[in-house]
Amino acid sequence: MNYENILIEVDAYLATVFINRPKKLNALNKETIAELHNAFAELEADEEVRVIILTGSGDKAFVAGADISEFADFNVSQGSELARKGQELLFDFVENMSIPVIAAVNGFALGGGLELAMASHFRVASNNAKMGLPEVSLGVIPGYGGTQRLPQLVGKGKAMEMIMTAGMITAQEAKNYGLVNYVVPQEELLVFCEKLADKISNNSSTAISAAIKAINANFKDGVNGFEVEINEFGNCFDTEDFEEGTTAFLEKRKPDF
């Protein structure tokens, strides 16, 4: 499938998705959100792909926010629909993918950009990255899951401060708050993420998918995460990967998943 605003590179088990609107600092518009959804769905259906790295083109921005010109004149119902559709189509979709998504934050990750990074399974930042949710400075609030995922990652108090001040934090601050896992020099960002992807790819993809479901269940209202874990744990016993993994362990060899 051909895309206007994103680029995809696939090398064996690893797919790298670049948001490619450099003149707009990779800002998210409706078309880009739709393309990202289609790309992620396509990659999830590819049995060869085990890990996805998501990043922005260029060296200035991961995603510098949403394309404000698209919704500046929206009314209440249009605004609500914008948030609902965006969450369903991309942000919730990414969070619940069976394939791990690593956000390689290479510069500004603001508004919808930070929300997209937070929807990914974990984040690595370049040392020049700046992150924030500036929406209240525009008279609106984060609408793509920011008010929900940020407190889960950094705690309620820090999330309140970041959202209310509309300020940006540095990559090192983001690491200190638990928002990103690692901070590396920008020129090493993708190589570092590829090494993480390589470690992930050595493990059972079916078990990783089950782990994603179990971990996410802990953050969903009305869902008993422990029960999901029990069920997913049990389901693993009926997989080829479980048979291979346990057999390899007993035979003192590396498993071939």
Protein backbone atom coordinates (compact mmCIF):
# COMPACT_ATOMS: atom_id res chain seq x y z
CA MET A 1 0.00 0.00 0.00
CA ASN A 2 1.28 3.47 -0.90
CA TYR A 3 1.16 6.27 1.66
CA GLU A 4 1.48 10.04 1.36
CA ASN A 5 2.53 10.94 4.89
CA ILE A 6 4.38 7.91 6.23
CA LEU A 7 7.25 5.69 5.17
CA ILE A 8 7.69 2.02 6.08
CA GLU A 9 10.88 0.00 6.07
CA VAL A 10 10.74 -3.75 6.75
CA ASP A 11 13.91 -5.72 7.41
CA ALA A 12 13.26 -9.34 8.36
CA TYR A 13 11.34 -9.28 11.67
CA LEU A 14 11.57 -5.50 12.18
CA ALA A 15 9.35 -2.81 10.69
CA THR A 16 10.18 0.89 11.10
CA VAL A 17 7.40 3.39 10.52
CA PHE A 18 8.39 7.01 9.84
CA ILE A 19 5.83 9.80 10.12
CA ASN A 20 6.91 11.86 7.14
CA ARG A 21 5.61 15.43 7.16
CA PRO A 22 8.88 17.27 7.87
CA LYS A 23 7.61 20.67 6.72
CA LYS A 24 4.83 20.38 9.33
CA LEU A 25 7.19 18.89 11.96
CA ASN A 26 5.33 15.60 11.36
CA ALA A 27 2.09 17.01 12.80
CA LEU A 28 -0.86 14.62 12.83
CA ASN A 29 -3.78 15.32 10.53
CA LYS A 30 -6.75 13.11 9.70
CA GLU A 31 -5.03 11.62 6.67
CA THR A 32 -1.89 10.73 8.63
CA ILE A 33 -3.90 9.14 11.43
CA ALA A 34 -5.78 7.03 8.88
CA GLU A 35 -2.55 6.03 7.13
CA LEU A 36 -0.93 5.04 10.43
CA HIS A 37 -3.94 2.89 11.30
CA ASN A 38 -3.79 1.14 7.94
CA ALA A 39 -0.03 0.65 8.19
CA PHE A 40 -0.20 -0.82 11.69
CA ALA A 41 -3.05 -3.12 10.70
CA GLU A 42 -1.07 -4.28 7.67
CA LEU A 43 2.07 -4.92 9.72
CA GLU A 44 0.16 -6.74 12.45
CA ALA A 45 -1.21 -9.10 9.81
CA ASP A 46 2.31 -9.85 8.54
CA GLU A 47 3.43 -13.03 10.29
CA GLU A 48 7.10 -12.17 9.72
CA VAL A 49 6.99 -8.84 11.59
CA ARG A 50 7.72 -9.20 15.32
CA VAL A 51 8.52 -5.62 16.40
CA ILE A 52 7.64 -2.14 15.14
CA ILE A 53 9.66 1.03 15.71
CA LEU A 54 7.68 4.25 15.32
CA THR A 55 9.55 7.51 14.76
CA GLY A 56 9.47 10.81 12.90
CA SER A 57 11.34 11.78 9.75
CA GLY A 58 14.19 14.22 10.15
CA ASP A 59 15.98 15.28 13.31
CA LYS A 60 13.61 17.90 14.71
CA ALA A 61 10.39 16.16 15.65
CA PHE A 62 8.75 12.85 16.44
CA VAL A 63 5.35 14.52 16.11
CA ALA A 64 5.06 18.20 17.05
CA GLY A 65 1.32 17.95 17.69
CA ALA A 66 -1.95 17.84 15.84
CA ASP A 67 -2.71 19.90 12.74
CA ILE A 68 -4.72 22.65 14.47
CA SER A 69 -5.93 24.14 11.20
CA GLU A 70 -8.13 21.07 10.70
CA PHE A 71 -10.29 21.65 13.79
CA ALA A 72 -10.00 25.33 14.73
CA ASP A 73 -13.63 25.97 13.73
CA PHE A 74 -15.17 22.75 15.08
CA ASN A 75 -18.26 22.75 17.32
CA VAL A 76 -18.86 20.54 20.38
CA SER A 77 -20.11 17.48 18.53
CA GLN A 78 -17.38 17.71 15.90
CA GLY A 79 -14.71 18.02 18.60
CA SER A 80 -16.03 15.00 20.49
CA GLU A 81 -16.16 12.95 17.30
CA LEU A 82 -12.60 14.00 16.42
CA ALA A 83 -11.30 12.66 19.76
CA ARG A 84 -13.43 9.51 19.70
CA LYS A 85 -12.53 8.55 16.15
CA GLY A 86 -8.84 9.32 16.64
CA GLN A 87 -8.63 7.27 19.81
CA GLU A 88 -10.37 4.28 18.25
CA LEU A 89 -8.56 4.44 14.93
CA LEU A 90 -5.00 4.97 16.14
CA PHE A 91 -4.18 5.52 19.80
CA ASP A 92 -6.19 2.70 21.37
CA PHE A 93 -5.40 0.55 18.34
CA VAL A 94 -1.64 0.93 18.87
CA GLU A 95 -1.88 0.30 22.61
CA ASN A 96 -3.71 -2.98 22.05
CA MET A 97 -1.65 -4.31 19.15
CA SER A 98 -0.28 -7.82 19.54
CA ILE A 99 3.10 -6.68 18.18
CA PRO A 100 5.29 -4.48 20.42
CA VAL A 101 5.56 -0.88 19.27
CA ILE A 102 8.63 1.08 20.39
CA ALA A 103 8.34 4.86 20.09
CA ALA A 104 11.71 6.35 19.10
CA VAL A 105 11.16 9.96 20.16
CA ASN A 106 13.56 11.95 17.98
CA GLY A 107 12.84 15.56 18.91
CA PHE A 108 9.59 17.32 19.75
CA ALA A 109 6.74 15.11 20.95
CA LEU A 110 3.95 17.51 21.78
CA GLY A 111 0.20 17.14 22.15
CA GLY A 112 -0.95 14.33 19.89
CA GLY A 113 2.68 13.40 19.34
CA LEU A 114 3.28 12.67 23.01
CA GLU A 115 -0.09 10.92 23.16
CA LEU A 116 0.99 8.66 20.28
CA ALA A 117 4.29 7.91 22.01
CA MET A 118 2.42 7.09 25.23
CA ALA A 119 0.10 4.74 23.33
CA SER A 120 3.17 2.80 22.19
CA HIS A 121 4.32 -0.01 24.44
CA PHE A 122 7.41 1.87 25.61
CA ARG A 123 9.54 4.85 24.64
CA VAL A 124 13.17 5.71 23.95
CA ALA A 125 14.12 9.37 23.54
CA SER A 126 16.98 11.18 21.86
CA ASN A 127 18.84 13.56 24.14
CA ASN A 128 17.43 16.58 22.32
CA ALA A 129 13.80 15.47 22.70
CA LYS A 130 11.25 17.77 24.30
CA MET A 131 7.85 16.48 25.44
CA GLY A 132 4.65 18.07 26.64
CA LEU A 133 0.89 18.45 26.40
CA PRO A 134 0.28 22.14 25.58
CA GLU A 135 -3.44 21.87 24.81
CA VAL A 136 -4.72 24.05 27.67
CA SER A 137 -2.79 26.97 26.14
CA LEU A 138 -5.19 26.62 23.20
CA GLY A 139 -8.31 26.47 25.38
CA VAL A 140 -8.76 22.72 25.04
CA ILE A 141 -7.50 19.56 26.77
CA PRO A 142 -5.60 16.54 25.45
CA GLY A 143 -8.11 14.50 23.47
CA TYR A 144 -6.19 11.46 22.30
CA GLY A 145 -5.78 9.76 25.67
CA GLY A 146 -3.30 12.17 27.22
CA THR A 147 -5.26 12.78 30.43
CA GLN A 148 -5.47 9.01 30.97
CA ARG A 149 -2.09 7.63 29.92
CA LEU A 150 0.14 10.38 31.32
CA PRO A 151 -0.98 9.82 34.95
CA GLN A 152 -0.47 6.07 34.47
CA LEU A 153 3.13 6.70 33.50
CA VAL A 154 4.25 9.63 35.67
CA GLY A 155 1.67 9.74 38.47
CA LYS A 156 -1.33 11.98 39.03
CA GLY A 157 0.49 14.95 40.53
CA LYS A 158 3.14 15.29 37.85
CA ALA A 159 0.55 14.74 35.11
CA MET A 160 -1.61 17.49 36.60
CA GLU A 161 1.40 19.83 36.62
CA MET A 162 2.46 19.02 33.06
CA ILE A 163 -1.04 19.44 31.65
CA MET A 164 -1.91 22.58 33.65
CA THR A 165 1.34 24.41 32.92
CA ALA A 166 1.33 23.34 29.24
CA GLY A 167 5.11 23.29 29.47
CA MET A 168 7.72 21.08 27.91
CA ILE A 169 10.09 18.74 29.71
CA THR A 170 13.50 17.53 28.60
CA ALA A 171 14.35 13.97 27.69
CA GLN A 172 16.23 13.49 30.95
CA GLU A 173 13.28 14.80 32.95
CA ALA A 174 11.02 12.41 31.03
CA LYS A 175 13.31 9.53 32.01
CA ASN A 176 13.35 10.64 35.64
CA TYR A 177 9.53 10.71 35.66
CA GLY A 178 9.25 7.26 34.05
CA LEU A 179 7.81 8.62 30.82
CA VAL A 180 10.65 7.17 28.71
CA ASN A 181 12.81 4.12 29.38
CA TYR A 182 16.09 5.41 27.95
CA VAL A 183 17.75 8.59 26.68
CA VAL A 184 20.44 8.21 24.02
CA PRO A 185 22.28 10.51 21.59
CA GLN A 186 20.11 11.24 18.59
CA GLU A 187 22.51 9.61 16.14
CA GLU A 188 22.26 6.39 18.14
CA LEU A 189 18.48 6.38 18.66
CA LEU A 190 17.38 3.99 15.93
CA VAL A 191 20.35 1.66 16.41
CA PHE A 192 19.57 1.47 20.14
CA CYS A 193 15.89 0.72 19.43
CA GLU A 194 16.90 -1.91 16.89
CA LYS A 195 19.00 -3.66 19.55
CA LEU A 196 16.00 -3.69 21.89
CA ALA A 197 13.87 -5.03 19.04
CA ASP A 198 16.43 -7.76 18.44
CA LYS A 199 16.20 -8.89 22.08
CA ILE A 200 12.41 -8.92 21.86
CA SER A 201 12.43 -10.89 18.61
CA ASN A 202 14.36 -13.74 20.25
CA ASN A 203 11.37 -14.47 22.48
CA SER A 204 7.97 -16.02 21.82
CA SER A 205 5.73 -13.68 19.84
CA THR A 206 2.61 -15.47 21.11
CA ALA A 207 3.74 -15.05 24.72
CA ILE A 208 4.57 -11.38 24.13
CA SER A 209 1.10 -10.82 22.67
CA ALA A 210 -0.42 -12.46 25.75
CA ALA A 211 1.74 -10.31 28.03
CA ILE A 212 0.56 -7.13 26.30
CA LYS A 213 -3.07 -8.13 26.88
CA ALA A 214 -2.44 -8.93 30.54
CA ILE A 215 -0.50 -5.73 31.27
CA ASN A 216 -3.04 -3.51 29.51
CA ALA A 217 -5.89 -5.17 31.42
CA ASN A 218 -4.57 -3.67 34.67
CA PHE A 219 -5.37 -0.19 33.35
CA LYS A 220 -8.93 -0.85 32.14
CA ASP A 221 -11.93 -0.03 34.30
CA GLY A 222 -14.08 -3.01 35.21
CA VAL A 223 -11.47 -5.54 34.11
CA ASN A 224 -9.77 -7.89 36.55
CA GLY A 225 -6.17 -7.86 35.36
CA PHE A 226 -5.24 -10.86 37.49
CA GLU A 227 -8.00 -12.91 35.85
CA VAL A 228 -6.78 -11.87 32.39
CA GLU A 229 -3.27 -12.89 33.38
CA ILE A 230 -4.48 -16.30 34.58
CA ASN A 231 -6.38 -16.90 31.34
CA GLU A 232 -3.53 -15.75 29.10
CA PHE A 233 -1.05 -17.83 31.12
CA GLY A 234 -3.23 -20.89 30.62
CA ASN A 235 -3.69 -20.21 26.91
CA CYS A 236 0.08 -20.27 26.45
CA PHE A 237 0.11 -23.97 27.32
CA ASP A 238 -1.73 -24.74 24.08
CA THR A 239 0.83 -23.08 21.80
CA GLU A 240 3.73 -24.37 19.73
CA ASP A 241 5.93 -21.72 21.31
CA PHE A 242 5.33 -23.14 24.79
CA GLU A 243 6.24 -26.61 23.59
CA GLU A 244 9.37 -25.32 21.86
CA GLY A 245 10.40 -23.08 24.75
CA THR A 246 10.08 -25.71 27.45
CA THR A 247 11.64 -28.41 25.29
CA ALA A 248 14.60 -26.16 24.48
CA PHE A 249 15.06 -25.37 28.16
CA LEU A 250 15.10 -29.04 29.12
CA GLU A 251 17.46 -29.83 26.25
CA LYS A 252 19.74 -26.95 27.27
CA ARG A 253 19.55 -25.16 23.92
CA LYS A 254 18.19 -21.88 22.64
CA PRO A 255 14.56 -22.02 21.51
CA ASP A 256 13.69 -21.53 17.85
CA PHE A 257 10.45 -19.54 17.90
